[in-house]
Protein backbone atom coordinates (compact mmCIF):
# COMPACT_ATOMS: atom_id res chain seq x y z
CA MET A 1 16.66 0.79 16.35
CA ASP A 2 18.86 -2.25 17.06
CA LEU A 3 17.54 -4.83 14.60
CA VAL A 4 19.28 -7.74 16.35
CA GLU A 5 17.57 -6.91 19.67
CA THR A 6 14.18 -6.54 17.96
CA ILE A 7 14.51 -9.96 16.30
CA TYR A 8 15.69 -11.52 19.57
CA ARG A 9 12.61 -10.23 21.38
CA MET A 10 10.33 -11.53 18.65
CA LEU A 11 11.91 -14.99 18.96
CA GLN A 12 11.58 -14.93 22.72
CA ARG A 13 7.90 -14.01 22.81
CA GLY A 14 6.63 -15.72 19.69
CA THR A 15 4.99 -14.18 16.66
CA SER A 16 1.47 -13.44 17.86
CA LEU A 17 0.08 -10.42 16.03
CA GLU A 18 -1.00 -9.01 19.38
CA ALA A 19 2.63 -8.72 20.51
CA LEU A 20 4.23 -7.35 17.35
CA PRO A 21 5.55 -3.77 17.16
CA TYR A 22 3.80 -1.59 14.62
CA GLU A 23 6.67 -1.73 12.15
CA GLU A 24 6.39 -5.53 12.13
CA LEU A 25 2.63 -5.38 11.59
CA HIS A 26 3.36 -3.36 8.47
CA ARG A 27 5.80 -6.01 7.22
CA ARG A 28 3.31 -8.82 7.85
CA PHE A 29 0.46 -7.15 5.98
CA SER A 30 1.14 -8.73 2.61
CA HIS A 31 1.01 -12.22 4.12
CA ASN A 32 -2.29 -11.96 6.02
CA ARG A 33 -3.92 -8.66 5.19
CA GLU A 34 -7.26 -9.14 6.94
CA ALA A 35 -5.83 -10.40 10.24
CA VAL A 36 -3.06 -7.80 10.38
CA PHE A 37 -5.32 -4.85 9.67
CA GLY A 38 -7.81 -6.27 12.16
CA GLU A 39 -5.12 -6.21 14.84
CA PHE A 40 -4.24 -2.63 13.89
CA VAL A 41 -7.88 -1.60 14.31
CA ARG A 42 -8.18 -3.51 17.60
CA ARG A 43 -5.28 -1.57 19.12
CA LEU A 44 -6.42 1.88 18.11
CA ARG A 45 -10.20 1.74 17.79
CA ARG A 46 -10.94 3.23 21.22
CA LEU A 47 -8.57 6.16 20.74
CA ILE A 48 -9.94 6.87 17.28
CA PHE A 49 -13.48 6.61 18.65
CA HIS A 50 -12.62 9.34 21.17
CA CYS A 51 -11.06 11.40 18.39
CA ALA A 52 -14.21 10.96 16.27
CA GLU A 53 -16.35 11.97 19.24
CA GLU A 54 -14.32 15.16 19.63
CA SER A 55 -14.53 15.80 15.88
CA CYS A 56 -18.33 15.57 16.03
CA ARG A 57 -18.42 17.88 19.03
CA ILE A 58 -16.26 20.46 17.24
CA ALA A 59 -18.40 20.23 14.09
CA SER A 60 -21.54 20.95 16.11
CA GLY A 61 -19.97 23.92 17.83
CA GLY A 62 -20.14 22.07 21.12
CA ASP A 63 -23.87 22.70 21.35
CA ALA A 64 -25.03 19.08 21.42
CA SER A 65 -23.82 15.65 22.45
CA PRO A 66 -22.70 13.71 19.37
CA GLN A 67 -24.89 10.82 18.25
CA LEU A 68 -23.35 7.37 18.60
CA ASP A 69 -23.98 6.40 15.00
CA GLU A 70 -22.26 9.58 13.78
CA ILE A 71 -19.22 8.88 15.95
CA GLN A 72 -19.03 5.28 14.76
CA GLU A 73 -19.33 6.32 11.13
CA LYS A 74 -16.43 8.74 11.47
CA THR A 75 -14.36 6.14 13.33
CA ILE A 76 -14.83 3.63 10.54
CA ARG A 77 -14.09 6.27 7.91
CA ALA A 78 -10.72 7.08 9.51
CA PHE A 79 -9.63 3.45 9.23
CA THR A 80 -11.02 2.91 5.73
CA GLU A 81 -9.30 6.12 4.57
CA PHE A 82 -5.97 4.66 5.66
CA HIS A 83 -6.41 1.05 4.57
CA PRO A 84 -5.01 1.48 1.02
CA GLU A 85 -1.92 3.19 2.48
CA PHE A 86 -1.27 0.71 5.28
CA ASP A 87 1.60 -1.17 3.64
CA GLN A 88 3.03 1.81 1.78
CA GLY A 89 6.16 3.70 2.83
CA ASP A 90 8.62 3.15 5.67
CA PRO A 91 7.34 0.61 8.26
CA GLU A 92 8.65 2.79 11.09
CA THR A 93 6.39 5.65 9.99
CA LEU A 94 3.17 3.62 10.16
CA LEU A 95 1.67 5.64 13.03
CA VAL A 96 2.72 8.97 11.51
CA ARG A 97 1.04 8.06 8.24
CA PHE A 98 -2.11 6.92 10.01
CA ALA A 99 -2.15 10.17 11.99
CA GLN A 100 -2.22 12.05 8.69
CA ALA A 101 -5.24 10.04 7.56
CA VAL A 102 -6.98 10.65 10.89
CA ARG A 103 -6.41 14.38 10.52
CA ARG A 104 -7.86 14.35 7.02
CA VAL A 105 -11.06 12.71 8.26
CA LEU A 106 -11.42 14.03 11.79
CA GLY A 107 -9.42 17.25 11.85
CA GLU A 108 -6.28 18.54 13.53
CA ASP A 109 -7.98 19.78 16.70
CA ALA A 110 -9.69 16.47 17.32
CA PHE A 111 -6.47 14.53 16.77
CA SER A 112 -4.57 16.73 19.23
CA VAL A 113 -6.83 15.38 22.01
CA ILE A 114 -5.43 11.85 21.56
CA ALA A 115 -2.01 12.58 20.04
CA LEU A 116 0.24 11.82 23.01
CA ARG A 117 -1.49 8.57 23.93
CA PHE A 118 -1.62 7.66 20.25
CA TYR A 119 2.14 7.95 19.88
CA TYR A 120 2.92 6.13 23.12
CA HIS A 121 1.78 3.07 21.17
CA LEU A 122 5.09 3.25 19.28
CA PRO A 123 7.34 2.15 22.18
CA LEU A 124 4.50 0.36 24.01
CA TYR A 125 4.56 -2.59 21.64
CA HIS A 126 8.26 -3.11 22.31
CA ILE A 127 7.50 -4.11 25.91
CA PRO A 128 8.25 -7.86 26.10
CA ASP A 129 5.94 -8.56 29.07
CA ASP A 130 2.44 -9.29 27.77
CA THR A 131 0.68 -8.26 30.98
CA GLN A 132 2.48 -4.93 31.29
CA ARG A 133 1.80 -4.18 27.63
CA ARG A 134 -1.93 -4.96 27.91
CA PHE A 135 -2.37 -2.92 31.08
CA LEU A 136 -0.54 0.10 29.66
CA ALA A 137 -2.50 -0.10 26.40
CA ALA A 138 -5.69 -0.04 28.44
CA LEU A 139 -4.36 2.83 30.54
CA PHE A 140 -3.84 4.97 27.45
CA GLU A 141 -7.42 4.24 26.40
CA ASN A 142 -8.89 4.82 29.86
CA GLY A 143 -7.07 8.12 30.18
CA LEU A 144 -9.82 9.49 27.99
CA ALA A 145 -12.72 7.49 29.37
CA THR A 146 -12.40 6.89 33.09
CA ARG A 147 -15.75 7.17 34.77
CA PRO A 148 -16.29 10.19 37.07
CA GLY A 149 -15.16 9.44 40.61
CA LYS A 150 -12.99 6.50 39.55
CA GLU A 151 -9.24 6.35 39.16
CA PHE A 152 -7.41 4.62 36.33
CA ALA A 153 -6.25 1.71 38.50
CA ALA A 154 -9.77 0.94 39.69
CA ASP A 155 -11.10 0.89 36.13
CA LEU A 156 -8.30 -1.40 35.00
CA ALA A 157 -8.71 -3.68 38.02
CA ASP A 158 -12.37 -4.13 37.05
CA ARG A 159 -11.47 -4.78 33.44
CA PHE A 160 -8.74 -7.37 34.12
CA GLN A 161 -10.28 -8.85 37.26
CA VAL A 162 -7.29 -8.26 39.55
CA SER A 163 -6.92 -6.19 42.71
CA VAL A 164 -6.29 -2.45 42.59
CA GLY A 165 -3.02 -3.02 44.42
CA GLU A 166 -1.82 -5.55 41.84
CA THR A 167 -2.92 -3.24 39.04
CA LYS A 168 -0.82 -0.41 40.44
CA LYS A 169 2.23 -2.68 40.68
CA ILE A 170 1.81 -3.82 37.07
CA LEU A 171 1.41 -0.24 35.85
CA ALA A 172 4.45 0.95 37.79
CA LYS A 173 6.64 -1.82 36.37
CA GLY A 174 5.25 -1.28 32.89
CA GLN A 175 5.83 2.48 32.98
CA LYS A 176 9.39 1.94 34.16
CA ARG A 177 10.01 -0.52 31.33
CA LEU A 178 8.43 1.83 28.81
CA ARG A 179 10.74 4.62 29.93
CA GLN A 180 13.74 2.31 29.59
CA ILE A 181 12.70 1.34 26.08
CA MET A 182 12.31 4.96 25.04
CA ASP A 183 15.66 5.76 26.60
CA LYS A 184 17.69 2.86 25.24
CA ASP A 185 15.97 1.43 22.18
CA PHE A 186 15.18 4.64 20.29
CA SER A 187 17.48 7.47 19.34
CA SER A 188 16.35 11.05 19.90
CA ASP A 189 15.84 11.47 16.16
CA GLU A 190 13.72 8.32 15.95
CA LEU A 191 11.45 9.45 18.76
CA ARG A 192 10.96 12.84 17.15
CA ASP A 193 10.52 11.59 13.61
CA TYR A 194 8.25 8.66 14.40
CA SER A 195 5.99 10.61 16.79
CA GLU A 196 5.93 14.04 15.13
CA GLY A 197 7.75 15.36 18.21
CA TYR A 198 4.99 14.37 20.64
CA LEU A 199 6.99 11.85 22.64
CA PRO A 200 9.41 13.07 25.32
CA ASP A 201 13.03 13.14 24.25
CA TYR A 202 14.26 10.15 26.26
CA GLY A 203 16.25 8.69 23.40
CA LYS A 204 20.03 8.59 23.28
CA ASP A 205 22.14 9.23 20.20
CA GLU A 206 25.21 7.36 21.40
CA LYS A 207 23.86 3.94 20.47
């Protein structure tokens, strides 16, 4: 990835942990471990909760609805399993390494349910617009949890207290920007390596 462009974006939008790409979270960990790991958990807790729910369902043979306390225990265990490894290895492989920890705790089949939305977090946090980034992050979460009879935009409109029409505009702009980032800011090899091949091959090698 173009380091100059990444630094420029960081300068333009400040240094809030909420806005930092995952590779920068990794680099900040040694300076403020509790806050940085807390931000990491905040971003991914809903997806990992859904993964833990699926893991419990698989373990029971699908015969019973998982208990909330069991799901929460597994969710916490996935994060605690990874905590000692958080600042180890290549910063760009942070999500890949966490995925390995999630698989160890929750299983391959359960992880496959969230894998694509999990790895969309990689380019998502390179979106410079805070609103677009927040709405798309919520979209990836709601893709697994939208209430029956409700569409994604209606759920997000309720959550962010804006109209459905405005929500759809924000999502459309955010998705376009996300596609541009994947196309221009990542090479094909980076997309494959940093997402285990889950992300579409929008990257270009002629950078």
